Amino acid sequence: MKKRIIWVLLILLLLVLVGGGIFMFRPRAVRIALVNYPESSLKGMMLSVDKKNVTLHSVNNTEELASYDAVIAFGMGLKWTDEDRERVKALDTKGIRYISIMTTTPENALTNIDSAQIRTFLTYFRNAGLSAGATNLRSGFNYFRTEILGKPLREGEVKEPIEYPSECLFPKNIPDKSFATVAEFQAFYKENGFREGAPKLAFFTGMASGPFSPDREHLDSIINTLERVGFNVYPINAMGRRLEYLDEIDPDLVVYMPHGRFIMGASKVVSDWFSQHNTPLFAPLTINLLREEWEANPNGMIGGFLSQSVATPEMDGALLPYVVVAQKADQDGVNYNFALPDRMETFAQTLWKYAQLQRKPNSEKKVALYYLKGPGANTLVASGLEVIPSLYNVLKELQKKGYNLEG
């Protein structure tokens, strides 16, 4: 009887050991720490990976890095101290791979990964992953798992990297698809939602987010709203070819997610184009704060963001610096860019009224003229300006343009 009990116990112990071994050494997702990454991009990157292969985690405390399988640091604005750098180098002793990308200071350019593997990984991880595209991100992290960490895939595959164009048009809701020419996009659009005779709106992404960014969801929301109110929308990701695209599209309105001038170093050319075509330019705003934080902040926007988002675009004649994108926290507390539905609706309806105003005959338009009314008997005087003759000349010009001055 005792022997039997002993055998049963030994068998149970063996099963526990085998089960424990399987549990301990089973294939699992590798955990990669992303350091100093723009929070708005993290959500899209996290959604792009094959989660049985890789999970991504935002970690900015170097003391925590030793608990991860690998570390990828975004070098721009990285503020590591000497102590931080020593902690990163100490990861060598634990066999933890690490790399810092796009560093702006040489002391932060740390890695223990083979240079050939880095070159291959970066073909997937364009612009430190910020404009890599969902398919490239998925394949890139699968490559990282198999080739750099030496672990087999549990799902998915490593595809050849997709080479995305730097200047292109793109459709809504279809990641990785782009068109080099307006003609190519137009052919696609005619089969997918184009409305003959509807106002055309050229929509330019800014520097922060483009069609191949991990966080393009808010761009799709903006396009969807603009189309729903009645526009044919031409989404464009470009810098140098902006006016070339506008010449081919000949839009009724232009919307630009601003960061500085519409085209750097070409202010006269830009001004002349918009004047000659009589096309209004609008520059709605993106706020890098949660909506509730922005609404509670009396400053709203300050410093370089204010100048690059409002003051500088106004030098190109941009109108309506109205916030349509802020950040929102997901269930894991990760902030991402989010098109604010109520504000986006107001913005889209305002643009629609501008478009309808362009098509309305001048004789049906109503114009209000405001002028300075000073105190005293001689009220129509403004710092030596001839107010009455000026008003008369304005009215004559309006009459010449076909405005109705009767009544």
Protein backbone atom coordinates (compact mmCIF):
# COMPACT_ATOMS: atom_id res chain seq x y z
CA MET A 1 0.00 0.00 0.00
CA LYS A 2 2.83 2.35 0.95
CA LYS A 3 4.60 1.59 -2.34
CA ARG A 4 1.44 2.40 -4.21
CA ILE A 5 1.08 5.75 -2.44
CA ILE A 6 4.73 6.53 -3.11
CA TRP A 7 4.31 5.75 -6.82
CA VAL A 8 1.19 7.90 -7.03
CA LEU A 9 3.02 10.76 -5.33
CA LEU A 10 6.01 10.37 -7.64
CA ILE A 11 3.74 10.38 -10.69
CA LEU A 12 1.94 13.51 -9.40
CA LEU A 13 5.28 15.19 -8.72
CA LEU A 14 6.47 14.30 -12.22
CA LEU A 15 3.29 15.73 -13.74
CA VAL A 16 3.74 18.93 -11.74
CA LEU A 17 7.36 19.21 -12.85
CA VAL A 18 6.51 18.55 -16.48
CA GLY A 19 3.59 20.99 -16.36
CA GLY A 20 5.75 23.59 -14.66
CA GLY A 21 8.47 23.12 -17.24
CA ILE A 22 6.01 23.51 -20.09
CA PHE A 23 4.63 26.65 -18.45
CA MET A 24 8.06 28.12 -17.77
CA PHE A 25 9.53 27.39 -21.18
CA ARG A 26 6.45 27.72 -23.38
CA PRO A 27 6.69 30.20 -26.26
CA ARG A 28 5.36 33.56 -25.14
CA ALA A 29 5.10 37.08 -26.47
CA VAL A 30 8.30 39.05 -26.00
CA ARG A 31 7.89 42.28 -24.05
CA ILE A 32 9.52 45.32 -25.65
CA ALA A 33 9.88 48.58 -23.74
CA LEU A 34 9.42 51.74 -25.84
CA VAL A 35 11.23 54.65 -24.23
CA ASN A 36 10.49 58.35 -24.86
CA TYR A 37 8.01 57.62 -27.65
CA PRO A 38 5.32 60.22 -28.47
CA GLU A 39 2.32 58.92 -26.60
CA SER A 40 -0.05 59.67 -29.47
CA SER A 41 1.82 57.13 -31.63
CA LEU A 42 1.96 54.33 -29.07
CA LYS A 43 -1.64 53.18 -29.41
CA GLY A 44 -1.34 52.65 -33.17
CA MET A 45 1.96 50.81 -32.76
CA MET A 46 0.48 48.58 -30.06
CA LEU A 47 -2.46 47.73 -32.34
CA SER A 48 -0.17 46.92 -35.27
CA VAL A 49 1.81 44.05 -33.75
CA ASP A 50 0.96 40.34 -33.70
CA LYS A 51 0.23 40.14 -29.98
CA LYS A 52 1.19 36.47 -29.65
CA ASN A 53 4.66 37.49 -30.83
CA VAL A 54 5.25 40.91 -29.28
CA THR A 55 3.70 43.24 -26.74
CA LEU A 56 4.77 46.88 -26.53
CA HIS A 57 4.98 48.89 -23.33
CA SER A 58 5.63 52.59 -22.68
CA VAL A 59 8.46 52.78 -20.14
CA ASN A 60 10.42 55.92 -19.30
CA ASN A 61 12.05 54.90 -16.01
CA THR A 62 15.36 53.18 -16.80
CA GLU A 63 15.18 51.32 -13.47
CA GLU A 64 12.31 49.25 -14.93
CA LEU A 65 14.02 48.21 -18.18
CA ALA A 66 15.65 45.05 -16.79
CA SER A 67 12.24 43.35 -16.60
CA TYR A 68 11.73 43.49 -20.40
CA ASP A 69 13.11 41.37 -23.24
CA ALA A 70 14.25 44.35 -25.33
CA VAL A 71 14.35 48.14 -25.30
CA ILE A 72 13.80 50.60 -28.16
CA ALA A 73 14.36 54.28 -27.31
CA PHE A 74 13.28 57.26 -29.41
CA GLY A 75 16.33 59.53 -29.41
CA MET A 76 14.82 62.93 -30.22
CA GLY A 77 14.37 64.82 -26.94
CA LEU A 78 15.75 61.85 -24.95
CA LYS A 79 16.99 63.21 -21.60
CA TRP A 80 19.06 60.36 -20.20
CA THR A 81 21.48 61.12 -17.39
CA ASP A 82 24.83 59.37 -16.94
CA GLU A 83 23.10 57.10 -14.42
CA ASP A 84 20.39 56.24 -16.96
CA ARG A 85 22.99 55.36 -19.58
CA GLU A 86 24.82 53.09 -17.13
CA ARG A 87 21.57 51.26 -16.37
CA VAL A 88 21.00 50.73 -20.11
CA LYS A 89 24.54 49.42 -20.64
CA ALA A 90 24.06 47.07 -17.67
CA LEU A 91 21.33 45.30 -19.67
CA ASP A 92 24.19 43.55 -21.53
CA THR A 93 24.78 41.30 -18.52
CA LYS A 94 21.15 40.12 -18.65
CA GLY A 95 21.18 39.48 -22.39
CA ILE A 96 18.58 42.19 -23.00
CA ARG A 97 18.82 43.80 -26.45
CA TYR A 98 18.55 47.58 -26.73
CA ILE A 99 18.79 50.32 -29.33
CA SER A 100 18.20 54.08 -29.42
CA ILE A 101 17.00 55.50 -32.75
CA MET A 102 17.24 59.05 -34.19
CA THR A 103 19.38 60.29 -31.32
CA THR A 104 20.37 63.94 -31.32
CA THR A 105 23.26 63.52 -28.85
CA PRO A 106 26.05 60.97 -29.44
CA GLU A 107 26.18 59.82 -25.81
CA ASN A 108 22.60 58.51 -26.11
CA ALA A 109 23.35 56.48 -29.27
CA LEU A 110 23.48 53.16 -27.40
CA THR A 111 22.92 49.68 -28.83
CA ASN A 112 24.10 46.10 -28.43
CA ILE A 113 22.45 44.87 -31.65
CA ASP A 114 24.39 43.83 -34.77
CA SER A 115 24.62 46.71 -37.28
CA ALA A 116 23.38 44.57 -40.21
CA GLN A 117 20.31 43.56 -38.19
CA ILE A 118 19.71 47.21 -37.31
CA ARG A 119 19.81 48.21 -40.99
CA THR A 120 17.25 45.54 -41.88
CA PHE A 121 15.01 46.42 -38.94
CA LEU A 122 15.07 50.12 -39.87
CA THR A 123 13.83 49.34 -43.40
CA TYR A 124 10.59 48.38 -41.63
CA PHE A 125 10.86 50.97 -38.86
CA ARG A 126 10.94 54.15 -40.99
CA ASN A 127 11.32 57.41 -39.07
CA ALA A 128 11.71 55.43 -35.82
CA GLY A 129 8.36 53.79 -36.54
CA LEU A 130 6.44 57.06 -36.66
CA SER A 131 5.70 56.78 -40.39
CA ALA A 132 6.32 53.08 -40.95
CA GLY A 133 2.80 51.90 -41.76
CA ALA A 134 0.85 49.15 -39.99
CA THR A 135 2.08 46.28 -42.19
CA ASN A 136 5.73 47.30 -41.87
CA LEU A 137 5.40 47.69 -38.10
CA ARG A 138 3.91 44.21 -37.80
CA SER A 139 6.60 42.61 -39.95
CA GLY A 140 9.33 44.72 -38.35
CA PHE A 141 8.52 43.58 -34.83
CA ASN A 142 8.20 39.98 -36.07
CA TYR A 143 11.69 40.36 -37.57
CA PHE A 144 12.91 41.76 -34.24
CA ARG A 145 11.56 38.68 -32.46
CA THR A 146 12.99 36.10 -34.85
CA GLU A 147 16.31 37.57 -35.99
CA ILE A 148 17.36 39.83 -33.12
CA LEU A 149 15.89 37.95 -30.16
CA GLY A 150 16.18 34.50 -31.78
CA LYS A 151 12.66 33.32 -30.98
CA PRO A 152 10.28 31.58 -33.42
CA LEU A 153 7.04 33.24 -34.43
CA ARG A 154 3.83 32.08 -32.79
CA GLU A 155 1.68 33.68 -35.52
CA GLY A 156 2.01 35.88 -38.59
CA GLU A 157 5.07 36.28 -40.82
CA VAL A 158 7.87 38.61 -41.80
CA LYS A 159 6.90 40.21 -45.12
CA GLU A 160 9.15 42.22 -47.40
CA PRO A 161 9.20 45.90 -46.31
CA ILE A 162 6.82 48.22 -48.17
CA GLU A 163 8.45 51.35 -49.59
CA TYR A 164 5.99 54.18 -49.02
CA PRO A 165 6.11 57.35 -51.16
CA SER A 166 6.99 60.59 -49.41
CA GLU A 167 4.54 62.57 -51.58
CA CYS A 168 1.17 61.03 -52.39
CA LEU A 169 -2.60 61.06 -52.16
CA PHE A 170 -4.26 58.41 -50.02
CA PRO A 171 -7.76 57.00 -49.44
CA LYS A 172 -9.59 56.98 -46.12
CA ASN A 173 -9.77 53.84 -43.98
CA ILE A 174 -7.27 51.84 -46.07
CA PRO A 175 -3.81 51.70 -44.45
CA ASP A 176 -0.79 51.16 -46.73
CA LYS A 177 -2.58 52.33 -49.90
CA SER A 178 -1.42 55.45 -51.75
CA PHE A 179 -1.47 57.15 -55.16
CA ALA A 180 1.44 59.03 -56.70
CA THR A 181 -0.75 61.10 -59.04
CA VAL A 182 -4.10 62.87 -58.89
CA ALA A 183 -5.24 60.88 -61.93
CA GLU A 184 -4.65 57.57 -60.14
CA PHE A 185 -6.49 58.77 -57.05
CA GLN A 186 -9.35 60.18 -59.15
CA ALA A 187 -9.83 56.84 -60.92
CA PHE A 188 -10.04 55.10 -57.54
CA TYR A 189 -12.29 57.79 -56.04
CA LYS A 190 -14.82 57.61 -58.89
CA GLU A 191 -15.42 53.98 -57.95
CA ASN A 192 -15.42 54.71 -54.21
CA GLY A 193 -17.64 57.62 -53.21
CA PHE A 194 -16.89 60.51 -55.59
CA ARG A 195 -19.93 62.75 -56.22
CA GLU A 196 -20.09 64.57 -59.52
CA GLY A 197 -20.47 68.33 -59.08
CA ALA A 198 -19.82 68.38 -55.31
CA PRO A 199 -17.30 70.94 -53.96
CA LYS A 200 -13.71 69.67 -53.95
CA LEU A 201 -11.62 69.98 -50.80
CA ALA A 202 -7.86 69.35 -50.70
CA PHE A 203 -6.87 68.05 -47.26
CA PHE A 204 -3.16 68.20 -46.33
CA THR A 205 -1.81 66.26 -43.38
CA GLY A 206 0.80 67.95 -41.21
CA MET A 207 4.24 66.88 -40.04
CA ALA A 208 2.95 65.07 -36.94
CA SER A 209 0.62 62.53 -38.57
CA GLY A 210 0.37 61.14 -42.06
CA PRO A 211 -1.29 58.17 -43.77
CA PHE A 212 1.50 55.80 -42.70
CA SER A 213 1.67 56.98 -39.10
CA PRO A 214 0.56 54.58 -36.37
CA ASP A 215 -2.03 57.18 -35.29
CA ARG A 216 -3.95 57.87 -38.51
CA GLU A 217 -7.37 57.06 -37.06
CA HIS A 218 -8.18 60.74 -36.44
CA LEU A 219 -7.32 61.57 -40.07
CA ASP A 220 -9.89 59.05 -41.27
CA SER A 221 -12.46 60.59 -38.90
CA ILE A 222 -11.80 64.07 -40.31
CA ILE A 223 -12.13 62.84 -43.92
CA ASN A 224 -15.33 60.94 -43.11
CA THR A 225 -16.92 64.03 -41.53
CA LEU A 226 -15.95 66.31 -44.43
CA GLU A 227 -17.38 63.84 -46.95
CA ARG A 228 -20.56 63.41 -44.94
CA VAL A 229 -21.39 67.13 -45.11
CA GLY A 230 -21.00 66.98 -48.91
CA PHE A 231 -17.36 67.48 -49.99
CA ASN A 232 -15.27 65.41 -52.35
CA VAL A 233 -12.11 65.14 -50.24
CA TYR A 234 -8.60 64.74 -51.68
CA PRO A 235 -6.32 63.62 -48.80
CA ILE A 236 -2.69 64.54 -49.50
CA ASN A 237 0.58 63.76 -47.75
CA ALA A 238 3.18 66.05 -49.33
CA MET A 239 5.63 68.89 -48.79
CA GLY A 240 7.37 69.85 -52.03
CA ARG A 241 4.53 69.00 -54.46
CA ARG A 242 1.69 70.76 -52.65
CA LEU A 243 1.05 73.41 -55.32
CA GLU A 244 1.50 70.85 -58.08
CA TYR A 245 -1.28 68.75 -56.56
CA LEU A 246 -3.47 71.83 -56.09
CA ASP A 247 -3.05 72.82 -59.74
CA GLU A 248 -4.32 69.40 -60.83
CA ILE A 249 -7.19 69.17 -58.33
CA ASP A 250 -8.35 72.82 -58.60
CA PRO A 251 -10.16 72.61 -55.24
CA ASP A 252 -12.85 74.92 -53.89
CA LEU A 253 -11.21 74.92 -50.44
CA VAL A 254 -7.91 73.81 -48.89
CA VAL A 255 -7.51 72.44 -45.36
CA TYR A 256 -4.02 72.13 -43.87
CA MET A 257 -3.14 70.55 -40.50
CA PRO A 258 -0.56 73.21 -39.76
CA HIS A 259 3.01 73.16 -38.58
CA GLY A 260 4.66 76.29 -39.92
CA ARG A 261 4.33 77.77 -43.41
CA PHE A 262 2.34 75.99 -46.10
CA ILE A 263 5.57 75.70 -48.12
CA MET A 264 8.83 76.76 -46.48
CA GLY A 265 10.75 79.42 -48.39
CA ALA A 266 8.02 80.03 -50.96
CA SER A 267 5.67 82.50 -49.26
CA LYS A 268 5.26 84.73 -52.34
CA VAL A 269 4.48 81.77 -54.62
CA VAL A 270 1.95 80.41 -52.12
CA SER A 271 0.30 83.80 -51.63
CA ASP A 272 0.06 84.35 -55.39
CA TRP A 273 -1.48 80.91 -55.96
CA PHE A 274 -4.25 81.35 -53.40
CA SER A 275 -4.97 84.91 -54.57
CA GLN A 276 -5.15 83.98 -58.25
CA HIS A 277 -7.39 80.98 -57.60
CA ASN A 278 -9.51 82.79 -54.99
CA THR A 279 -9.28 79.64 -52.85
CA PRO A 280 -9.56 79.96 -49.07
CA LEU A 281 -7.04 78.13 -46.86
CA PHE A 282 -8.11 76.76 -43.46
CA ALA A 283 -5.81 75.57 -40.67
CA PRO A 284 -7.62 73.63 -37.90
CA LEU A 285 -5.64 72.79 -34.78
CA THR A 286 -4.37 69.67 -33.04
CA ILE A 287 -3.87 69.93 -29.28
CA ASN A 288 -1.35 67.62 -27.60
CA LEU A 289 -3.43 67.44 -24.44
CA LEU A 290 -6.46 65.58 -23.22
CA ARG A 291 -9.56 67.61 -24.06
CA GLU A 292 -10.44 68.21 -20.42
CA GLU A 293 -6.88 69.42 -19.70
CA TRP A 294 -6.98 71.79 -22.67
CA GLU A 295 -10.40 73.18 -21.70
CA ALA A 296 -9.20 73.76 -18.13
CA ASN A 297 -6.00 75.49 -19.28
CA PRO A 298 -6.50 79.27 -19.70
CA ASN A 299 -3.50 79.44 -22.07
CA GLY A 300 -4.77 76.73 -24.39
CA MET A 301 -1.63 76.75 -26.52
CA ILE A 302 1.68 78.50 -25.85
CA GLY A 303 5.20 78.98 -27.15
CA GLY A 304 6.42 77.24 -30.26
CA PHE A 305 3.18 75.32 -30.77
CA LEU A 306 1.23 78.59 -30.82
CA SER A 307 3.54 80.23 -33.35
CA GLN A 308 3.82 77.16 -35.62
CA SER A 309 0.11 76.30 -35.46
CA VAL A 310 -1.53 79.73 -35.51
CA ALA A 311 0.74 82.73 -36.14
CA THR A 312 2.90 81.31 -38.94
CA PRO A 313 0.05 79.74 -40.98
CA GLU A 314 -1.81 83.07 -40.78
CA MET A 315 1.10 84.61 -42.71
CA ASP A 316 -0.02 82.39 -45.61
CA GLY A 317 -3.59 83.65 -45.18
CA ALA A 318 -4.86 80.62 -43.24
CA LEU A 319 -8.27 81.01 -41.59
CA LEU A 320 -10.14 79.48 -38.66
CA PRO A 321 -7.52 78.16 -36.17
CA TYR A 322 -10.19 76.01 -34.54
CA VAL A 323 -9.34 72.94 -32.44
CA VAL A 324 -10.65 69.71 -33.99
CA VAL A 325 -8.16 67.15 -32.62
CA ALA A 326 -7.14 66.53 -29.01
CA GLN A 327 -5.95 63.49 -27.12
CA LYS A 328 -8.01 60.76 -25.52
CA ALA A 329 -6.95 58.03 -23.08
CA ASP A 330 -7.68 54.40 -23.93
CA GLN A 331 -8.50 51.68 -21.38
CA ASP A 332 -4.77 51.21 -20.67
CA GLY A 333 -4.23 54.92 -20.04
CA VAL A 334 -2.38 55.48 -23.34
CA ASN A 335 -3.20 58.84 -24.92
CA TYR A 336 -3.87 59.01 -28.66
CA ASN A 337 -5.03 61.64 -31.16
CA PHE A 338 -8.79 61.81 -31.42
CA ALA A 339 -10.99 63.91 -33.73
CA LEU A 340 -13.49 65.68 -31.46
CA PRO A 341 -16.89 64.84 -33.01
CA ASP A 342 -18.78 67.98 -31.93
CA ARG A 343 -16.02 70.40 -32.91
CA MET A 344 -15.28 68.57 -36.14
CA GLU A 345 -18.95 68.77 -37.09
CA THR A 346 -18.99 72.54 -36.44
CA PHE A 347 -15.80 72.99 -38.46
CA ALA A 348 -17.12 70.91 -41.39
CA GLN A 349 -20.44 72.77 -41.47
CA THR A 350 -18.58 76.10 -41.46
CA LEU A 351 -16.46 74.99 -44.44
CA TRP A 352 -19.62 73.90 -46.24
CA LYS A 353 -21.08 77.40 -45.82
CA TYR A 354 -17.89 78.89 -47.28
CA ALA A 355 -18.19 76.54 -50.26
CA GLN A 356 -21.84 77.46 -50.80
CA LEU A 357 -20.97 81.16 -50.53
CA GLN A 358 -18.47 80.72 -53.37
CA ARG A 359 -21.23 79.33 -55.60
CA LYS A 360 -23.89 81.88 -54.68
CA PRO A 361 -24.33 84.89 -57.03
CA ASN A 362 -23.03 88.13 -55.52
CA SER A 363 -26.48 89.66 -55.92
CA GLU A 364 -27.81 87.18 -53.32
CA LYS A 365 -25.05 87.69 -50.74
CA LYS A 366 -25.48 89.85 -47.66
CA VAL A 367 -22.49 91.91 -46.52
CA ALA A 368 -22.18 93.90 -43.28
CA LEU A 369 -19.73 96.84 -43.23
CA TYR A 370 -18.28 97.88 -39.88
CA TYR A 371 -16.57 101.23 -39.37
CA LEU A 372 -15.30 103.30 -36.47
CA LYS A 373 -17.84 105.57 -34.83
CA GLY A 374 -16.03 108.02 -32.58
CA PRO A 375 -17.58 110.40 -30.03
CA GLY A 376 -18.89 113.86 -30.84
CA ALA A 377 -20.52 115.41 -33.88
CA ASN A 378 -17.87 114.39 -36.39
CA THR A 379 -18.14 110.61 -35.81
CA LEU A 380 -16.96 109.33 -39.20
CA VAL A 381 -13.27 110.05 -38.60
CA ALA A 382 -10.61 107.43 -37.92
CA SER A 383 -7.12 108.75 -37.14
CA GLY A 384 -7.08 111.05 -40.14
CA LEU A 385 -8.56 108.48 -42.54
CA GLU A 386 -11.27 109.62 -44.92
CA VAL A 387 -14.02 107.30 -43.70
CA ILE A 388 -16.93 108.61 -45.80
CA PRO A 389 -15.03 108.58 -49.14
CA SER A 390 -13.64 105.15 -48.24
CA LEU A 391 -17.11 103.77 -47.52
CA TYR A 392 -18.37 105.24 -50.77
CA ASN A 393 -15.52 103.64 -52.76
CA VAL A 394 -16.15 100.27 -51.13
CA LEU A 395 -19.86 100.44 -51.96
CA LYS A 396 -19.09 101.37 -55.58
CA GLU A 397 -16.71 98.41 -55.86
CA LEU A 398 -19.34 96.07 -54.41
CA GLN A 399 -21.87 97.42 -56.90
CA LYS A 400 -19.42 96.81 -59.75
CA LYS A 401 -19.02 93.18 -58.57
CA GLY A 402 -22.77 92.64 -58.73
CA TYR A 403 -23.82 93.10 -55.10
CA ASN A 404 -27.32 94.43 -54.53
CA LEU A 405 -27.12 97.88 -52.88
CA GLU A 406 -30.83 98.71 -53.13
CA GLY A 407 -32.82 99.50 -50.02
